[in-house]
Structure formats: C-alpha cells, structure tokens
Amino acid sequence: MPWGRRLSSADLQLILLALLAERPAHGYELIKTLEERSGGFYNPSPGVIYPALTYLDDVGHAQAEQDGTRKLYRITPAGEAHLAANRATADAILEALTRIGGRMDQVREAFAGVGDADGGASDEVHRARHALRHALHRKRGCDPAEARRIAAILDRAAAEILGG
C-alpha cells in the first residue's frame, strides 16, 4: 500500500462509506471489520474512526442514530452518490487491505513453527530460521555461481524437511 499503515482522511472516509453500504454498523464494528479484512495489518484506533464517522455525519454522507448507549451509522443517499463517484478508489483500498491480510496470514502460518507444542523445539526452529535469514542477507548480491549453489542448498533442505 503506497500510503503505508495509515490511510488519508479522505480514503478512510471512503472505505467507511463502502462498509456502511454493506450494512449499518457501530464504530467498534467498523474497527473490527477493517482489522479482520487486513489480517491485523490495519487496526485503526477509535480516535481515528469516530472523528471520521462524525465528519461523514456532518457532511450528510452518513447518519448516526442512537442505539442504546452507542451510535449506529448508516449511509445516506448523498453518501451513496459520493461512494458511487469514488467506487474504484474504495474498492482498490479494500482489495489492498484484503490482499495484505492474506499475506499476513501466510506469514503467520510460516512462522507458526514446527512443534509448537514443544517450546524448546519451536525455539530451535526460530533460531535456525533467524540464522538462515542472516546468512541469506549476507549473501545478497553474490555472483551467479554462488546464487546457484545457495539455491541448490535450499532445494535440498526443503526436500529433506518434506521427506521427513
């Protein structure tokens, strides 16, 4: 995501409208939805979400109604028109969050560790991964012959790991 872990105010307002177009929601639900869609990569704080929702309410793109002690936000016809005019941007941001969420899941799986039931074994796997990462980092930019040698070592290691 070119904007890093923070969205601009306009982008955040736009994706909040996109989420409200799916269904009315409380601020907390919107925070959780964004966190889930991004696999934990983007976890906006209430101090970011609630001012954005207040702004959307002030400009007439969303409407807040009391729902017990909380506010339930709905998109308005003006908000739907604004969203329609900017749908490509909203979809691109939500798609990027979902894609990053998928990558985060892959990373979590990769680092889950072999033998998590045995903390010592998991620590050993973590140490070995760290040593491998360090070795590969030191070999960055090596000549083609060395790169092929490293690839062969990694191929043998992967085969041995999978072969048991």
C-alpha atoms as a PDB file:
ATOM      1  CA  MET A   1       0.000   0.000   0.000  1.00  0.00           C
ATOM      2  CA  PRO A   2       1.643   3.236  -1.050  1.00  0.00           C
ATOM      3  CA  TRP A   3       0.218   5.056   1.956  1.00  0.00           C
ATOM      4  CA  GLY A   4       1.751   2.642   4.454  1.00  0.00           C
ATOM      5  CA  ARG A   5      -0.151   1.720   7.570  1.00  0.00           C
ATOM      6  CA  ARG A   6      -2.139   4.964   7.647  1.00  0.00           C
ATOM      7  CA  LEU A   7      -4.897   5.984   5.332  1.00  0.00           C
ATOM      8  CA  SER A   8      -5.556   9.587   4.429  1.00  0.00           C
ATOM      9  CA  SER A   9      -8.692  11.045   5.995  1.00  0.00           C
ATOM     10  CA  ALA A  10     -10.466  11.020   2.625  1.00  0.00           C
ATOM     11  CA  ASP A  11      -9.526   7.385   1.969  1.00  0.00           C
ATOM     12  CA  LEU A  12     -10.663   6.312   5.427  1.00  0.00           C
ATOM     13  CA  GLN A  13     -13.970   8.133   4.991  1.00  0.00           C
ATOM     14  CA  LEU A  14     -14.431   6.453   1.624  1.00  0.00           C
ATOM     15  CA  ILE A  15     -13.858   2.930   2.894  1.00  0.00           C
ATOM     16  CA  LEU A  16     -16.100   3.602   5.882  1.00  0.00           C
ATOM     17  CA  LEU A  17     -18.841   4.560   3.407  1.00  0.00           C
ATOM     18  CA  ALA A  18     -18.159   1.353   1.465  1.00  0.00           C
ATOM     19  CA  LEU A  19     -18.524  -0.693   4.658  1.00  0.00           C
ATOM     20  CA  LEU A  20     -21.685   1.190   5.647  1.00  0.00           C
ATOM     21  CA  ALA A  21     -23.084   0.499   2.178  1.00  0.00           C
ATOM     22  CA  GLU A  22     -22.775  -3.214   3.019  1.00  0.00           C
ATOM     23  CA  ARG A  23     -24.676  -2.763   6.292  1.00  0.00           C
ATOM     24  CA  PRO A  24     -25.230  -0.235   9.083  1.00  0.00           C
ATOM     25  CA  ALA A  25     -22.646  -0.556  11.835  1.00  0.00           C
ATOM     26  CA  HIS A  26     -21.329   0.835  15.099  1.00  0.00           C
ATOM     27  CA  GLY A  27     -17.870   2.406  15.153  1.00  0.00           C
ATOM     28  CA  TYR A  28     -16.406  -0.542  17.034  1.00  0.00           C
ATOM     29  CA  GLU A  29     -17.750  -2.962  14.414  1.00  0.00           C
ATOM     30  CA  LEU A  30     -16.119  -0.914  11.666  1.00  0.00           C
ATOM     31  CA  ILE A  31     -12.793  -1.017  13.514  1.00  0.00           C
ATOM     32  CA  LYS A  32     -13.034  -4.800  13.838  1.00  0.00           C
ATOM     33  CA  THR A  33     -14.067  -5.229  10.187  1.00  0.00           C
ATOM     34  CA  LEU A  34     -11.040  -3.261   8.980  1.00  0.00           C
ATOM     35  CA  GLU A  35      -8.749  -5.195  11.293  1.00  0.00           C
ATOM     36  CA  GLU A  36     -10.165  -8.535  10.097  1.00  0.00           C
ATOM     37  CA  ARG A  37     -10.037  -7.641   6.390  1.00  0.00           C
ATOM     38  CA  SER A  38      -6.416  -6.629   6.721  1.00  0.00           C
ATOM     39  CA  GLY A  39      -5.364  -9.637   8.780  1.00  0.00           C
ATOM     40  CA  GLY A  40      -4.425  -7.309  11.622  1.00  0.00           C
ATOM     41  CA  PHE A  41      -2.244  -5.081   9.412  1.00  0.00           C
ATOM     42  CA  TYR A  42      -4.569  -2.095   9.720  1.00  0.00           C
ATOM     43  CA  ASN A  43      -6.076  -1.659  13.152  1.00  0.00           C
ATOM     44  CA  PRO A  44      -7.489   1.860  13.275  1.00  0.00           C
ATOM     45  CA  SER A  45      -7.946   3.427  16.676  1.00  0.00           C
ATOM     46  CA  PRO A  46     -11.238   4.811  17.931  1.00  0.00           C
ATOM     47  CA  GLY A  47      -9.511   8.227  17.839  1.00  0.00           C
ATOM     48  CA  VAL A  48      -9.340   7.913  14.048  1.00  0.00           C
ATOM     49  CA  ILE A  49     -12.638   6.148  13.299  1.00  0.00           C
ATOM     50  CA  TYR A  50     -15.036   8.214  15.382  1.00  0.00           C
ATOM     51  CA  PRO A  51     -13.921  11.617  14.059  1.00  0.00           C
ATOM     52  CA  ALA A  52     -14.225  10.230  10.505  1.00  0.00           C
ATOM     53  CA  LEU A  53     -17.747   8.991  11.256  1.00  0.00           C
ATOM     54  CA  THR A  54     -18.647  12.337  12.844  1.00  0.00           C
ATOM     55  CA  TYR A  55     -17.388  14.119   9.728  1.00  0.00           C
ATOM     56  CA  LEU A  56     -19.418  11.807   7.464  1.00  0.00           C
ATOM     57  CA  ASP A  57     -22.469  12.568   9.588  1.00  0.00           C
ATOM     58  CA  ASP A  58     -21.759  16.328   9.492  1.00  0.00           C
ATOM     59  CA  VAL A  59     -21.479  16.421   5.679  1.00  0.00           C
ATOM     60  CA  GLY A  60     -24.557  14.233   5.248  1.00  0.00           C
ATOM     61  CA  HIS A  61     -22.849  11.121   3.856  1.00  0.00           C
ATOM     62  CA  ALA A  62     -23.787   9.038   6.883  1.00  0.00           C
ATOM     63  CA  GLN A  63     -26.448   9.307   9.534  1.00  0.00           C
ATOM     64  CA  ALA A  64     -25.986   8.362  13.170  1.00  0.00           C
ATOM     65  CA  GLU A  65     -28.867   7.151  15.282  1.00  0.00           C
ATOM     66  CA  GLN A  66     -28.843   6.235  18.949  1.00  0.00           C
ATOM     67  CA  ASP A  67     -28.812   2.502  19.535  1.00  0.00           C
ATOM     68  CA  GLY A  68     -28.843   2.172  23.290  1.00  0.00           C
ATOM     69  CA  THR A  69     -25.651   3.770  24.551  1.00  0.00           C
ATOM     70  CA  ARG A  70     -23.965   3.585  21.127  1.00  0.00           C
ATOM     71  CA  LYS A  71     -24.485   5.167  17.744  1.00  0.00           C
ATOM     72  CA  LEU A  72     -25.444   3.121  14.710  1.00  0.00           C
ATOM     73  CA  TYR A  73     -24.223   4.617  11.443  1.00  0.00           C
ATOM     74  CA  ARG A  74     -25.992   4.271   8.096  1.00  0.00           C
ATOM     75  CA  ILE A  75     -25.000   5.526   4.676  1.00  0.00           C
ATOM     76  CA  THR A  76     -27.293   8.223   3.271  1.00  0.00           C
ATOM     77  CA  PRO A  77     -28.313   8.788  -0.351  1.00  0.00           C
ATOM     78  CA  ALA A  78     -25.691  11.571  -0.544  1.00  0.00           C
ATOM     79  CA  GLY A  79     -23.100   9.143   0.826  1.00  0.00           C
ATOM     80  CA  GLU A  80     -24.150   6.518  -1.723  1.00  0.00           C
ATOM     81  CA  ALA A  81     -23.698   9.087  -4.523  1.00  0.00           C
ATOM     82  CA  HIS A  82     -20.255  10.068  -3.207  1.00  0.00           C
ATOM     83  CA  LEU A  83     -19.279   6.421  -2.914  1.00  0.00           C
ATOM     84  CA  ALA A  84     -20.531   5.665  -6.436  1.00  0.00           C
ATOM     85  CA  ALA A  85     -18.397   8.507  -7.810  1.00  0.00           C
ATOM     86  CA  ASN A  86     -15.352   7.100  -5.988  1.00  0.00           C
ATOM     87  CA  ARG A  87     -16.138   3.376  -6.053  1.00  0.00           C
ATOM     88  CA  ALA A  88     -12.954   2.391  -7.911  1.00  0.00           C
ATOM     89  CA  THR A  89     -10.780   4.004  -5.238  1.00  0.00           C
ATOM     90  CA  ALA A  90     -12.772   2.453  -2.382  1.00  0.00           C
ATOM     91  CA  ASP A  91     -12.617  -0.990  -3.991  1.00  0.00           C
ATOM     92  CA  ALA A  92      -8.878  -0.676  -4.625  1.00  0.00           C
ATOM     93  CA  ILE A  93      -8.202   0.212  -0.987  1.00  0.00           C
ATOM     94  CA  LEU A  94     -10.402  -2.588   0.353  1.00  0.00           C
ATOM     95  CA  GLU A  95      -8.795  -5.041  -2.082  1.00  0.00           C
ATOM     96  CA  ALA A  96      -5.332  -3.968  -0.944  1.00  0.00           C
ATOM     97  CA  LEU A  97      -6.327  -4.475   2.695  1.00  0.00           C
ATOM     98  CA  THR A  98      -7.688  -7.939   1.893  1.00  0.00           C
ATOM     99  CA  ARG A  99      -4.573  -8.863  -0.099  1.00  0.00           C
ATOM    100  CA  ILE A 100      -2.322  -7.710   2.742  1.00  0.00           C
ATOM    101  CA  GLY A 101      -4.492  -9.652   5.176  1.00  0.00           C
ATOM    102  CA  GLY A 102      -3.912 -12.797   3.104  1.00  0.00           C
ATOM    103  CA  ARG A 103      -0.183 -12.197   3.122  1.00  0.00           C
ATOM    104  CA  MET A 104      -0.223 -11.630   6.866  1.00  0.00           C
ATOM    105  CA  ASP A 105      -1.976 -14.988   7.288  1.00  0.00           C
ATOM    106  CA  GLN A 106       0.711 -16.657   5.164  1.00  0.00           C
ATOM    107  CA  VAL A 107       3.447 -15.085   7.269  1.00  0.00           C
ATOM    108  CA  ARG A 108       1.743 -16.176  10.485  1.00  0.00           C
ATOM    109  CA  GLU A 109       1.465 -19.721   9.146  1.00  0.00           C
ATOM    110  CA  ALA A 110       5.101 -19.736   8.070  1.00  0.00           C
ATOM    111  CA  PHE A 111       6.228 -18.597  11.499  1.00  0.00           C
ATOM    112  CA  ALA A 112       3.829 -20.764  13.472  1.00  0.00           C
ATOM    113  CA  GLY A 113       6.705 -23.168  13.920  1.00  0.00           C
ATOM    114  CA  VAL A 114       7.129 -26.859  13.789  1.00  0.00           C
ATOM    115  CA  GLY A 115       6.425 -28.476  17.129  1.00  0.00           C
ATOM    116  CA  ASP A 116       4.706 -25.516  18.789  1.00  0.00           C
ATOM    117  CA  ALA A 117       3.557 -27.973  21.455  1.00  0.00           C
ATOM    118  CA  ASP A 118       7.231 -28.245  22.475  1.00  0.00           C
ATOM    119  CA  GLY A 119       8.507 -24.768  23.278  1.00  0.00           C
ATOM    120  CA  GLY A 120      12.154 -25.860  23.083  1.00  0.00           C
ATOM    121  CA  ALA A 121      11.734 -27.306  19.600  1.00  0.00           C
ATOM    122  CA  SER A 122       9.888 -24.205  18.490  1.00  0.00           C
ATOM    123  CA  ASP A 123      12.731 -22.043  19.838  1.00  0.00           C
ATOM    124  CA  GLU A 124      15.248 -24.143  17.898  1.00  0.00           C
ATOM    125  CA  VAL A 125      13.261 -23.743  14.675  1.00  0.00           C
ATOM    126  CA  HIS A 126      13.050 -19.994  15.291  1.00  0.00           C
ATOM    127  CA  ARG A 127      16.806 -19.790  15.881  1.00  0.00           C
ATOM    128  CA  ALA A 128      17.514 -21.783  12.717  1.00  0.00           C
ATOM    129  CA  ARG A 129      15.200 -19.555  10.659  1.00  0.00           C
ATOM    130  CA  HIS A 130      16.957 -16.495  12.012  1.00  0.00           C
ATOM    131  CA  ALA A 131      20.383 -17.947  11.146  1.00  0.00           C
ATOM    132  CA  LEU A 132      19.186 -18.762   7.616  1.00  0.00           C
ATOM    133  CA  ARG A 133      17.765 -15.283   7.121  1.00  0.00           C
ATOM    134  CA  HIS A 134      21.029 -13.761   8.334  1.00  0.00           C
ATOM    135  CA  ALA A 135      23.112 -15.964   6.017  1.00  0.00           C
ATOM    136  CA  LEU A 136      20.931 -15.134   3.007  1.00  0.00           C
ATOM    137  CA  HIS A 137      21.120 -11.447   3.842  1.00  0.00           C
ATOM    138  CA  ARG A 138      24.931 -11.585   3.924  1.00  0.00           C
ATOM    139  CA  LYS A 139      24.974 -13.323   0.522  1.00  0.00           C
ATOM    140  CA  ARG A 140      22.780 -10.738  -1.195  1.00  0.00           C
ATOM    141  CA  GLY A 141      24.297  -9.570  -4.458  1.00  0.00           C
ATOM    142  CA  CYS A 142      26.563 -12.600  -4.789  1.00  0.00           C
ATOM    143  CA  ASP A 143      27.760 -13.824  -8.194  1.00  0.00           C
ATOM    144  CA  PRO A 144      25.573 -16.210 -10.265  1.00  0.00           C
ATOM    145  CA  ALA A 145      27.599 -19.313  -9.371  1.00  0.00           C
ATOM    146  CA  GLU A 146      27.194 -18.628  -5.654  1.00  0.00           C
ATOM    147  CA  ALA A 147      23.486 -17.919  -6.126  1.00  0.00           C
ATOM    148  CA  ARG A 148      23.045 -21.312  -7.831  1.00  0.00           C
ATOM    149  CA  ARG A 149      24.970 -23.030  -5.001  1.00  0.00           C
ATOM    150  CA  ILE A 150      22.696 -21.377  -2.412  1.00  0.00           C
ATOM    151  CA  ALA A 151      19.572 -22.343  -4.382  1.00  0.00           C
ATOM    152  CA  ALA A 152      20.747 -25.964  -4.500  1.00  0.00           C
ATOM    153  CA  ILE A 153      21.298 -25.978  -0.724  1.00  0.00           C
ATOM    154  CA  LEU A 154      17.835 -24.533  -0.127  1.00  0.00           C
ATOM    155  CA  ASP A 155      16.262 -27.061  -2.526  1.00  0.00           C
ATOM    156  CA  ARG A 156      17.973 -29.950  -0.674  1.00  0.00           C
ATOM    157  CA  ALA A 157      16.894 -28.552   2.697  1.00  0.00           C
ATOM    158  CA  ALA A 158      13.271 -28.200   1.548  1.00  0.00           C
ATOM    159  CA  ALA A 159      13.269 -31.749   0.155  1.00  0.00           C
ATOM    160  CA  GLU A 160      14.760 -33.112   3.371  1.00  0.00           C
ATOM    161  CA  ILE A 161      12.233 -31.238   5.529  1.00  0.00           C
ATOM    162  CA  LEU A 162       9.327 -32.541   3.450  1.00  0.00           C
ATOM    163  CA  GLY A 163      10.778 -36.045   3.242  1.00  0.00           C
ATOM    164  CA  GLY A 164      10.922 -36.308   6.992  1.00  0.00           C
END
